[in-house]
Amino acid sequence: MDRLTSMAVFVKTADSGSFAAAALAFGISAQMAGKHVSTLEERVGARLLNRTTRRQSLTEIGQIFYERCKALLADADAAESVAQELSASPRGRLRITAPVTFGTCCLAPMITRYLKANPEVRVELALTDRFVDLIDEGYEAAIRLGSLSDSSLIARSLMPYRLVACASPDYLAERGEPQTPQALAEHECLSFVYTSLPVETAWRFSDAEGEHVAPISGRFQANDVKALLAAALNGSGVILAPEVAVKDELAAGRLVRLLNAYEAPARPMHLVFPASRATPKLRAFIDQVVAEFGPHAA
């Protein structure tokens, strides 16, 4: 058996917790996935996985071997990428990560256009709001929100990630339209819950006079913008949402933009990538992201 393939199957089994999931990813049978791992165990002379009827977990030796396998596979991918530099056309697998809302509303539709223009590329898009280490986790580029920390990554500035306050016409007909940020204290506010941060108790707006802190409260909170958007469309309250997530609803009149005299916070947004991975497929991706979402995009 090819040793790199066996290592890749082993890593996928450890990540997914089952031979069946690893087999599905590689287009092989669960028995063959198990044979790949058994072959590795025979080579190293130690058990790498604790096998149960429900889930496979790493042994102590397996954990160490898993980390080394990930590094070796990343090096193999890097070697493949270098070889691809000799090709004039983008090709191969491109692994990208992005925040959930921007990735769903904006990046995924853009990727379909990118794939149409680059038929020899396949894209794996991972959507998560957690910080992703590109090098350690094997991604070639990421969309990042907020200020960037110092790093070895190259960054391309994109349009600011703007938030807007809005509510449905039905809600406003029943509760009235807030004219100032402070008036939100009298309304049901649908707030986003971050898993690692305290629950929001205030939204911030600004105008020529400075910043305005608006105390908020409400009976519905969620860690997914789509859930909050569904609640807002059903007349459950006011939402402070990314503009990219509500632009169609605003254009159709299903939501009404509020507090037009005030600006909600806008977060910096960047595309970041390691310089060592600037392959043709990645360069083509960077060009398209900047063209569609850069600071001067239409």
Protein backbone atom coordinates (compact mmCIF):
# COMPACT_ATOMS: atom_id res chain seq x y z
CA MET A 1 0.00 0.00 0.00
CA ASP A 2 1.10 3.56 -0.66
CA ARG A 3 2.36 4.91 2.65
CA LEU A 4 1.19 8.51 2.10
CA THR A 5 -2.30 7.28 1.21
CA SER A 6 -2.36 5.17 4.37
CA MET A 7 -1.28 8.17 6.41
CA ALA A 8 -3.98 10.31 4.82
CA VAL A 9 -6.63 7.66 5.61
CA PHE A 10 -5.32 7.42 9.18
CA VAL A 11 -5.49 11.22 9.66
CA LYS A 12 -9.02 11.35 8.22
CA THR A 13 -10.09 8.48 10.48
CA ALA A 14 -8.70 10.27 13.52
CA ASP A 15 -10.37 13.55 12.52
CA SER A 16 -13.77 12.00 11.77
CA GLY A 17 -13.72 9.31 14.45
CA SER A 18 -14.70 6.43 12.17
CA PHE A 19 -13.44 4.25 9.36
CA ALA A 20 -16.76 4.71 7.56
CA ALA A 21 -16.34 8.49 7.36
CA ALA A 22 -12.74 8.16 6.21
CA ALA A 23 -13.77 5.59 3.61
CA LEU A 24 -16.44 7.90 2.26
CA ALA A 25 -13.91 10.72 1.92
CA PHE A 26 -11.50 8.53 -0.09
CA GLY A 27 -14.05 6.55 -2.07
CA ILE A 28 -13.04 3.20 -0.57
CA SER A 29 -14.71 0.64 1.69
CA ALA A 30 -14.59 0.88 5.49
CA GLN A 31 -12.71 -2.43 5.48
CA MET A 32 -10.05 -0.98 3.18
CA ALA A 33 -9.75 2.11 5.41
CA GLY A 34 -9.17 -0.19 8.36
CA LYS A 35 -6.56 -2.11 6.38
CA HIS A 36 -4.66 1.11 5.64
CA VAL A 37 -4.48 1.87 9.37
CA SER A 38 -3.58 -1.73 10.26
CA THR A 39 -0.70 -1.58 7.75
CA LEU A 40 0.65 1.54 9.46
CA GLU A 41 0.33 -0.11 12.87
CA GLU A 42 2.35 -3.06 11.59
CA ARG A 43 5.04 -0.69 10.28
CA VAL A 44 5.41 1.22 13.56
CA GLY A 45 4.84 -1.81 15.77
CA ALA A 46 2.20 -0.15 17.94
CA ARG A 47 -1.53 0.40 18.07
CA LEU A 48 -2.47 3.84 16.78
CA LEU A 49 -6.23 3.78 17.35
CA ASN A 50 -8.47 2.54 20.14
CA ARG A 51 -11.27 0.77 18.31
CA THR A 52 -14.81 0.70 19.72
CA THR A 53 -18.14 -0.08 18.07
CA ARG A 54 -19.00 3.62 17.91
CA ARG A 55 -15.82 5.66 17.50
CA GLN A 56 -12.11 5.36 16.86
CA SER A 57 -9.85 7.39 19.17
CA LEU A 58 -6.10 7.94 19.17
CA THR A 59 -3.77 6.11 21.50
CA GLU A 60 -0.92 8.05 23.11
CA ILE A 61 1.47 6.86 20.40
CA GLY A 62 -1.24 7.44 17.81
CA GLN A 63 -1.52 11.09 18.84
CA ILE A 64 2.20 11.66 18.26
CA PHE A 65 2.10 9.76 14.97
CA TYR A 66 -1.01 11.72 13.92
CA GLU A 67 0.78 15.07 14.35
CA ARG A 68 3.77 13.88 12.32
CA CYS A 69 1.52 12.49 9.59
CA LYS A 70 -0.29 15.82 9.31
CA ALA A 71 3.03 17.61 8.92
CA LEU A 72 4.26 15.12 6.30
CA LEU A 73 1.01 15.37 4.33
CA ALA A 74 1.22 19.16 4.44
CA ASP A 75 4.79 18.94 3.13
CA ALA A 76 3.60 16.63 0.35
CA ASP A 77 0.86 19.09 -0.57
CA ALA A 78 3.44 21.89 -0.59
CA ALA A 79 5.70 19.86 -2.88
CA GLU A 80 2.75 19.26 -5.19
CA SER A 81 1.99 22.97 -5.16
CA VAL A 82 5.56 23.80 -6.14
CA ALA A 83 5.29 21.37 -9.04
CA GLN A 84 2.06 23.04 -10.10
CA GLU A 85 3.95 26.31 -10.46
CA LEU A 86 5.35 24.83 -13.66
CA SER A 87 1.84 24.74 -15.08
CA ALA A 88 0.39 27.85 -16.72
CA SER A 89 -3.17 27.03 -15.70
CA PRO A 90 -4.62 26.78 -12.16
CA ARG A 91 -5.27 23.20 -11.12
CA GLY A 92 -5.59 20.98 -8.05
CA ARG A 93 -7.29 21.31 -4.69
CA LEU A 94 -7.69 24.71 -3.03
CA ARG A 95 -8.55 24.80 0.69
CA ILE A 96 -10.17 28.02 1.93
CA THR A 97 -11.71 29.06 5.24
CA ALA A 98 -14.04 31.98 5.95
CA PRO A 99 -16.52 33.30 8.55
CA VAL A 100 -19.89 31.59 8.34
CA THR A 101 -22.11 34.49 7.25
CA PHE A 102 -19.75 36.05 4.71
CA GLY A 103 -18.85 32.63 3.39
CA THR A 104 -22.47 31.63 2.92
CA CYS A 105 -23.80 34.91 1.51
CA CYS A 106 -20.86 36.10 -0.59
CA LEU A 107 -17.89 33.77 -0.90
CA ALA A 108 -19.72 30.57 -1.88
CA PRO A 109 -21.47 32.22 -4.87
CA MET A 110 -18.13 33.75 -5.92
CA ILE A 111 -16.46 30.34 -5.73
CA THR A 112 -18.97 28.92 -8.21
CA ARG A 113 -17.89 31.62 -10.67
CA TYR A 114 -14.22 30.90 -9.90
CA LEU A 115 -14.73 27.19 -10.58
CA LYS A 116 -16.43 27.92 -13.87
CA ALA A 117 -13.43 30.01 -14.94
CA ASN A 118 -10.92 27.41 -13.63
CA PRO A 119 -12.25 23.96 -14.54
CA GLU A 120 -9.18 22.07 -13.30
CA VAL A 121 -9.48 23.39 -9.72
CA ARG A 122 -11.55 21.90 -6.93
CA VAL A 123 -12.31 23.95 -3.80
CA GLU A 124 -12.83 22.88 -0.20
CA LEU A 125 -14.49 25.70 1.77
CA ALA A 126 -14.60 25.48 5.57
CA LEU A 127 -16.96 27.96 7.22
CA THR A 128 -16.22 28.77 10.86
CA ASP A 129 -16.15 31.85 13.08
CA ARG A 130 -13.18 30.57 15.10
CA PHE A 131 -9.59 31.59 14.40
CA VAL A 132 -7.97 29.15 11.97
CA ASP A 133 -4.21 28.65 11.83
CA LEU A 134 -3.58 28.34 8.10
CA ILE A 135 -0.21 26.65 8.38
CA ASP A 136 -1.07 24.11 11.08
CA GLU A 137 -4.47 23.25 9.61
CA GLY A 138 -3.42 23.13 5.99
CA TYR A 139 -5.47 25.96 4.47
CA GLU A 140 -4.18 28.09 1.64
CA ALA A 141 -6.17 31.26 2.32
CA ALA A 142 -8.67 32.71 4.76
CA ILE A 143 -11.10 35.59 5.00
CA ARG A 144 -10.49 37.34 8.33
CA LEU A 145 -12.68 39.88 10.11
CA GLY A 146 -11.29 42.48 12.52
CA SER A 147 -7.82 43.89 13.01
CA LEU A 148 -4.97 41.63 11.97
CA SER A 149 -2.27 40.59 14.41
CA ASP A 150 1.33 40.62 13.27
CA SER A 151 2.12 37.47 11.32
CA SER A 152 4.03 36.08 8.39
CA LEU A 153 0.87 36.01 6.28
CA ILE A 154 0.29 38.29 3.32
CA ALA A 155 -2.95 40.30 3.56
CA ARG A 156 -5.18 41.91 0.93
CA SER A 157 -7.64 44.53 2.14
CA LEU A 158 -11.29 43.95 1.29
CA MET A 159 -14.40 46.07 1.72
CA PRO A 160 -15.38 46.78 5.36
CA TYR A 161 -17.80 44.31 6.90
CA ARG A 162 -20.73 46.63 7.68
CA LEU A 163 -23.62 46.06 10.06
CA VAL A 164 -27.11 47.52 9.68
CA ALA A 165 -30.10 47.67 12.01
CA CYS A 166 -33.40 46.60 10.49
CA ALA A 167 -36.80 45.10 11.24
CA SER A 168 -39.84 43.85 9.34
CA PRO A 169 -42.69 46.19 8.33
CA ASP A 170 -45.07 44.14 10.50
CA TYR A 171 -42.90 44.60 13.57
CA LEU A 172 -42.58 48.34 12.97
CA ALA A 173 -46.33 48.71 12.43
CA GLU A 174 -46.90 47.14 15.84
CA ARG A 175 -44.03 48.65 17.86
CA GLY A 176 -43.10 51.82 15.96
CA GLU A 177 -39.75 52.77 14.46
CA PRO A 178 -36.87 53.75 16.79
CA GLN A 179 -35.53 57.20 15.91
CA THR A 180 -32.37 57.09 18.04
CA PRO A 181 -30.08 54.27 19.22
CA GLN A 182 -31.25 54.82 22.79
CA ALA A 183 -34.83 54.07 21.70
CA LEU A 184 -33.79 50.46 21.05
CA ALA A 185 -34.11 49.92 24.81
CA GLU A 186 -37.88 49.85 24.24
CA HIS A 187 -37.68 47.19 21.53
CA GLU A 188 -37.14 43.46 21.18
CA CYS A 189 -33.57 43.12 19.93
CA LEU A 190 -32.42 39.90 18.28
CA SER A 191 -28.81 39.52 19.34
CA PHE A 192 -25.96 37.32 18.14
CA VAL A 193 -24.43 35.01 20.75
CA TYR A 194 -20.69 34.34 20.49
CA THR A 195 -19.65 31.03 22.03
CA SER A 196 -16.55 32.52 23.68
CA LEU A 197 -17.89 35.97 24.64
CA PRO A 198 -20.53 37.30 27.06
CA VAL A 199 -24.05 37.91 25.77
CA GLU A 200 -24.43 41.31 24.09
CA THR A 201 -26.05 43.98 26.27
CA ALA A 202 -25.47 46.98 24.00
CA TRP A 203 -25.08 47.93 20.35
CA ARG A 204 -22.88 50.83 19.29
CA PHE A 205 -23.65 53.47 16.67
CA SER A 206 -21.98 56.72 15.68
CA ASP A 207 -22.75 60.03 14.01
CA ALA A 208 -21.11 63.45 13.75
CA GLU A 209 -21.51 63.90 17.52
CA GLY A 210 -19.61 60.71 18.36
CA GLU A 211 -20.42 57.22 19.60
CA HIS A 212 -23.84 56.24 20.98
CA VAL A 213 -24.16 53.16 23.18
CA ALA A 214 -27.62 51.61 22.93
CA PRO A 215 -28.62 49.20 25.72
CA ILE A 216 -30.48 46.23 24.25
CA SER A 217 -32.45 43.26 25.48
CA GLY A 218 -34.63 40.63 23.91
CA ARG A 219 -36.11 37.20 24.35
CA PHE A 220 -34.38 35.55 21.38
CA GLN A 221 -30.65 35.10 20.88
CA ALA A 222 -28.79 32.81 18.49
CA ASN A 223 -25.27 32.00 17.30
CA ASP A 224 -26.34 31.98 13.65
CA VAL A 225 -27.31 35.04 11.60
CA LYS A 226 -29.72 33.01 9.47
CA ALA A 227 -31.72 32.10 12.56
CA LEU A 228 -31.87 35.75 13.66
CA LEU A 229 -32.82 36.82 10.14
CA ALA A 230 -35.68 34.32 10.07
CA ALA A 231 -36.93 35.73 13.39
CA ALA A 232 -36.69 39.30 12.11
CA LEU A 233 -38.61 38.42 8.93
CA ASN A 234 -41.32 36.90 11.11
CA GLY A 235 -41.72 40.16 13.03
CA SER A 236 -39.95 39.12 16.22
CA GLY A 237 -37.72 42.17 16.65
CA VAL A 238 -34.85 44.36 15.50
CA ILE A 239 -31.71 42.75 14.10
CA LEU A 240 -28.21 44.21 13.79
CA ALA A 241 -26.91 42.14 10.91
CA PRO A 242 -24.14 42.13 8.32
CA GLU A 243 -25.28 44.17 5.34
CA VAL A 244 -24.35 41.33 3.00
CA ALA A 245 -26.82 39.04 4.80
CA VAL A 246 -29.84 41.34 4.56
CA LYS A 247 -29.32 43.34 1.35
CA ASP A 248 -31.81 41.25 -0.65
CA GLU A 249 -34.44 41.48 2.09
CA LEU A 250 -33.96 45.25 2.28
CA ALA A 251 -34.20 45.63 -1.50
CA ALA A 252 -37.42 43.57 -1.56
CA GLY A 253 -38.97 45.53 1.30
CA ARG A 254 -39.22 42.50 3.57
CA LEU A 255 -36.98 44.38 6.01
CA VAL A 256 -36.69 48.12 6.65
CA ARG A 257 -33.36 49.75 7.45
CA LEU A 258 -33.45 51.69 10.72
CA LEU A 259 -31.47 54.56 12.24
CA ASN A 260 -30.33 55.90 8.87
CA ALA A 261 -28.77 58.96 10.50
CA TYR A 262 -26.36 56.71 12.39
CA GLU A 263 -23.58 54.34 11.39
CA ALA A 264 -23.28 50.88 12.92
CA PRO A 265 -19.78 49.47 13.44
CA ALA A 266 -17.86 48.26 10.40
CA ARG A 267 -15.11 45.67 10.88
CA PRO A 268 -12.00 45.50 8.69
CA MET A 269 -11.95 42.46 6.39
CA HIS A 270 -8.91 40.88 4.73
CA LEU A 271 -7.91 37.95 2.60
CA VAL A 272 -4.79 36.38 4.10
CA PHE A 273 -2.49 33.67 2.76
CA PRO A 274 1.06 32.35 3.22
CA ALA A 275 3.50 33.63 0.62
CA SER A 276 4.88 30.12 0.20
CA ARG A 277 1.56 28.86 -1.14
CA ALA A 278 0.95 31.44 -3.88
CA THR A 279 0.29 28.83 -6.59
CA PRO A 280 -1.54 29.60 -9.87
CA LYS A 281 -4.84 28.37 -8.44
CA LEU A 282 -4.41 30.58 -5.35
CA ARG A 283 -3.31 33.62 -7.35
CA ALA A 284 -6.39 33.28 -9.54
CA PHE A 285 -8.55 33.01 -6.42
CA ILE A 286 -6.92 36.07 -4.84
CA ASP A 287 -7.46 38.11 -7.99
CA GLN A 288 -11.14 37.22 -8.12
CA VAL A 289 -11.75 37.89 -4.40
CA VAL A 290 -10.10 41.32 -4.64
CA ALA A 291 -12.01 42.12 -7.85
CA GLU A 292 -15.37 41.26 -6.29
CA PHE A 293 -14.86 42.23 -2.64
CA GLY A 294 -11.90 44.60 -2.64
CA PRO A 295 -12.17 48.18 -1.33
CA HIS A 296 -12.75 49.49 -4.87
CA ALA A 297 -15.14 46.75 -6.02
CA ALA A 298 -18.33 47.94 -7.67
